[in-house]
C-alpha atoms as a PDB file:
ATOM      1  CA  GLN A   1      84.492 110.253  77.987  1.00  0.00           C
ATOM      2  CA  VAL A   2      87.057 110.055  80.773  1.00  0.00           C
ATOM      3  CA  GLN A   3      88.970 106.820  81.062  1.00  0.00           C
ATOM      4  CA  LEU A   4      91.360 105.797  83.822  1.00  0.00           C
ATOM      5  CA  VAL A   5      94.141 103.232  83.447  1.00  0.00           C
ATOM      6  CA  GLU A   6      96.029 101.957  86.467  1.00  0.00           C
ATOM      7  CA  ASP A   7      99.513 100.493  86.249  1.00  0.00           C
ATOM      8  CA  GLY A   8     102.330  99.413  88.506  1.00  0.00           C
ATOM      9  CA  GLY A   9     100.861  96.480  90.367  1.00  0.00           C
ATOM     10  CA  GLY A  10     102.725  93.262  90.871  1.00  0.00           C
ATOM     11  CA  LEU A  11     104.213  90.860  93.349  1.00  0.00           C
ATOM     12  CA  VAL A  12     106.320  92.239  96.173  1.00  0.00           C
ATOM     13  CA  GLN A  13     107.672  90.849  99.412  1.00  0.00           C
ATOM     14  CA  ALA A  14     106.444  92.106 102.745  1.00  0.00           C
ATOM     15  CA  GLY A  15     108.284  95.265 103.697  1.00  0.00           C
ATOM     16  CA  GLY A  16     108.784  96.220 100.078  1.00  0.00           C
ATOM     17  CA  SER A  17     107.511  99.122  98.023  1.00  0.00           C
ATOM     18  CA  LEU A  18     105.510  99.717  94.879  1.00  0.00           C
ATOM     19  CA  ARG A  19     104.438 102.759  92.944  1.00  0.00           C
ATOM     20  CA  LEU A  20     101.069 102.718  91.262  1.00  0.00           C
ATOM     21  CA  SER A  21     100.032 105.150  88.603  1.00  0.00           C
ATOM     22  CA  CYS A  22      96.667 106.081  87.166  1.00  0.00           C
ATOM     23  CA  ALA A  23      96.574 107.877  83.849  1.00  0.00           C
ATOM     24  CA  ALA A  24      93.457 109.772  82.840  1.00  0.00           C
ATOM     25  CA  SER A  25      92.233 110.691  79.408  1.00  0.00           C
ATOM     26  CA  GLY A  26      90.633 114.030  78.775  1.00  0.00           C
ATOM     27  CA  ARG A  27      91.735 117.607  79.025  1.00  0.00           C
ATOM     28  CA  THR A  28      90.293 118.554  82.364  1.00  0.00           C
ATOM     29  CA  PHE A  29      92.209 116.255  84.713  1.00  0.00           C
ATOM     30  CA  SER A  30      93.032 119.185  86.964  1.00  0.00           C
ATOM     31  CA  THR A  31      89.342 119.547  87.765  1.00  0.00           C
ATOM     32  CA  TYR A  32      88.993 115.995  89.074  1.00  0.00           C
ATOM     33  CA  VAL A  33      89.312 115.002  92.694  1.00  0.00           C
ATOM     34  CA  MET A  34      91.250 111.743  92.525  1.00  0.00           C
ATOM     35  CA  GLY A  35      91.211 108.833  94.897  1.00  0.00           C
ATOM     36  CA  TRP A  36      92.629 105.368  95.423  1.00  0.00           C
ATOM     37  CA  PHE A  37      90.652 102.400  96.679  1.00  0.00           C
ATOM     38  CA  ARG A  38      91.333  98.712  96.995  1.00  0.00           C
ATOM     39  CA  GLN A  39      89.391  95.504  97.139  1.00  0.00           C
ATOM     40  CA  ALA A  40      90.800  92.403  98.740  1.00  0.00           C
ATOM     41  CA  PRO A  41      89.434  88.944  97.886  1.00  0.00           C
ATOM     42  CA  GLY A  42      86.104  88.410  99.560  1.00  0.00           C
ATOM     43  CA  LYS A  43      85.950  91.937 100.943  1.00  0.00           C
ATOM     44  CA  GLU A  44      84.219  95.159 100.018  1.00  0.00           C
ATOM     45  CA  ARG A  45      85.999  97.938  98.192  1.00  0.00           C
ATOM     46  CA  GLU A  46      87.872 100.120 100.682  1.00  0.00           C
ATOM     47  CA  PHE A  47      88.705 103.804 100.488  1.00  0.00           C
ATOM     48  CA  LEU A  48      92.418 104.569 100.918  1.00  0.00           C
ATOM     49  CA  VAL A  49      93.115 108.184 100.076  1.00  0.00           C
ATOM     50  CA  HIS A  50      91.941 111.115  98.004  1.00  0.00           C
ATOM     51  CA  ILE A  51      93.682 114.234  96.762  1.00  0.00           C
ATOM     52  CA  SER A  52      92.293 117.612  95.837  1.00  0.00           C
ATOM     53  CA  ARG A  53      92.395 119.151  92.378  1.00  0.00           C
ATOM     54  CA  SER A  54      95.493 121.143  93.221  1.00  0.00           C
ATOM     55  CA  GLY A  55      97.227 118.330  95.080  1.00  0.00           C
ATOM     56  CA  ASP A  56      96.807 119.882  98.497  1.00  0.00           C
ATOM     57  CA  SER A  57      95.504 118.260 101.630  1.00  0.00           C
ATOM     58  CA  PRO A  58      95.404 114.560 100.841  1.00  0.00           C
ATOM     59  CA  TYR A  59      93.252 112.528 103.188  1.00  0.00           C
ATOM     60  CA  TYR A  60      94.305 108.993 104.164  1.00  0.00           C
ATOM     61  CA  THR A  61      92.485 106.228 105.888  1.00  0.00           C
ATOM     62  CA  ASP A  62      94.220 105.137 109.075  1.00  0.00           C
ATOM     63  CA  SER A  63      95.322 101.760 107.747  1.00  0.00           C
ATOM     64  CA  VAL A  64      97.676 103.317 105.195  1.00  0.00           C
ATOM     65  CA  LYS A  65      98.592 106.598 106.854  1.00  0.00           C
ATOM     66  CA  GLY A  66     102.357 106.939 107.058  1.00  0.00           C
ATOM     67  CA  ARG A  67     102.967 104.114 104.563  1.00  0.00           C
ATOM     68  CA  PHE A  68     101.192 105.302 101.418  1.00  0.00           C
ATOM     69  CA  THR A  69     101.614 108.641  99.681  1.00  0.00           C
ATOM     70  CA  ILE A  70      99.380 110.048  96.981  1.00  0.00           C
ATOM     71  CA  SER A  71     100.511 112.654  94.504  1.00  0.00           C
ATOM     72  CA  ARG A  72      99.368 113.994  91.189  1.00  0.00           C
ATOM     73  CA  ASP A  73     100.898 115.561  88.133  1.00  0.00           C
ATOM     74  CA  ASN A  74      98.237 117.575  86.355  1.00  0.00           C
ATOM     75  CA  ALA A  75     100.536 118.206  83.406  1.00  0.00           C
ATOM     76  CA  LYS A  76     100.719 114.439  82.850  1.00  0.00           C
ATOM     77  CA  ASN A  77      97.079 113.692  83.748  1.00  0.00           C
ATOM     78  CA  THR A  78      98.363 111.161  86.258  1.00  0.00           C
ATOM     79  CA  VAL A  79      97.897 110.369  89.907  1.00  0.00           C
ATOM     80  CA  TYR A  80     100.330 108.181  91.807  1.00  0.00           C
ATOM     81  CA  LEU A  81     100.264 106.028  94.895  1.00  0.00           C
ATOM     82  CA  GLU A  82     103.599 105.327  96.518  1.00  0.00           C
ATOM     83  CA  MET A  83     103.303 102.335  98.824  1.00  0.00           C
ATOM     84  CA  SER A  84     105.959 101.319 101.294  1.00  0.00           C
ATOM     85  CA  SER A  85     106.292  98.919 104.220  1.00  0.00           C
ATOM     86  CA  LEU A  86     103.830  96.691 102.433  1.00  0.00           C
ATOM     87  CA  LYS A  87     102.101  93.958 104.364  1.00  0.00           C
ATOM     88  CA  PRO A  88     100.401  90.767 103.202  1.00  0.00           C
ATOM     89  CA  GLU A  89      97.083  92.342 104.174  1.00  0.00           C
ATOM     90  CA  ASP A  90      97.701  95.032 101.550  1.00  0.00           C
ATOM     91  CA  THR A  91      97.108  92.387  98.891  1.00  0.00           C
ATOM     92  CA  ALA A  92      94.210  93.585  96.768  1.00  0.00           C
ATOM     93  CA  VAL A  93      93.160  95.027  93.467  1.00  0.00           C
ATOM     94  CA  TYR A  94      93.855  98.750  93.586  1.00  0.00           C
ATOM     95  CA  TYR A  95      91.555 101.166  91.801  1.00  0.00           C
ATOM     96  CA  CYS A  96      91.718 104.849  91.104  1.00  0.00           C
ATOM     97  CA  LYS A  97      88.637 106.990  90.908  1.00  0.00           C
ATOM     98  CA  ALA A  98      87.980 110.392  89.394  1.00  0.00           C
ATOM     99  CA  ARG A  99      85.213 112.572  90.771  1.00  0.00           C
ATOM    100  CA  PHE A 100      83.839 115.536  88.844  1.00  0.00           C
ATOM    101  CA  GLY A 101      80.139 115.487  89.526  1.00  0.00           C
ATOM    102  CA  MET A 102      80.157 111.810  88.729  1.00  0.00           C
ATOM    103  CA  ASP A 103      82.507 108.977  89.610  1.00  0.00           C
ATOM    104  CA  ILE A 104      84.675 107.231  87.050  1.00  0.00           C
ATOM    105  CA  TRP A 105      86.649 104.119  87.973  1.00  0.00           C
ATOM    106  CA  GLY A 106      89.620 102.448  86.443  1.00  0.00           C
ATOM    107  CA  LYS A 107      89.737  98.690  85.962  1.00  0.00           C
ATOM    108  CA  GLY A 108      92.298  98.182  88.682  1.00  0.00           C
ATOM    109  CA  THR A 109      95.766  96.745  89.114  1.00  0.00           C
ATOM    110  CA  LEU A 110      96.586  93.755  91.287  1.00  0.00           C
ATOM    111  CA  VAL A 111      99.049  94.084  94.137  1.00  0.00           C
ATOM    112  CA  THR A 112     100.184  90.898  95.837  1.00  0.00           C
ATOM    113  CA  VAL A 113     102.335  91.079  98.951  1.00  0.00           C
ATOM    114  CA  SER A 114     104.002  87.843  99.959  1.00  0.00           C
ATOM    115  CA  SER A 115     105.016  87.045 103.501  1.00  0.00           C
END
């Protein structure tokens, strides 16, 4: 069964940067469409970005476009989320998701942006 483990969250000041990673188990990572989502306290889970199996044509939601960058390394079974110019409103638990006919979620990593 596929498992996803996020890492890289933490506390950062506004304007700072963080790099999240999501490592997947299994041998068919390259067949998964991968995405990042987040859920802020008291809010619904929000889509941020997804990336194709080959790493082409990522699609970003407007709120993170130009600040966040997704990438993947299929040889390492890992997808990354580079976050820059962080704002306090980016504070949330960040989740990765794998899609391959079904959706698998990681348990999330907390990002806290202080003002």
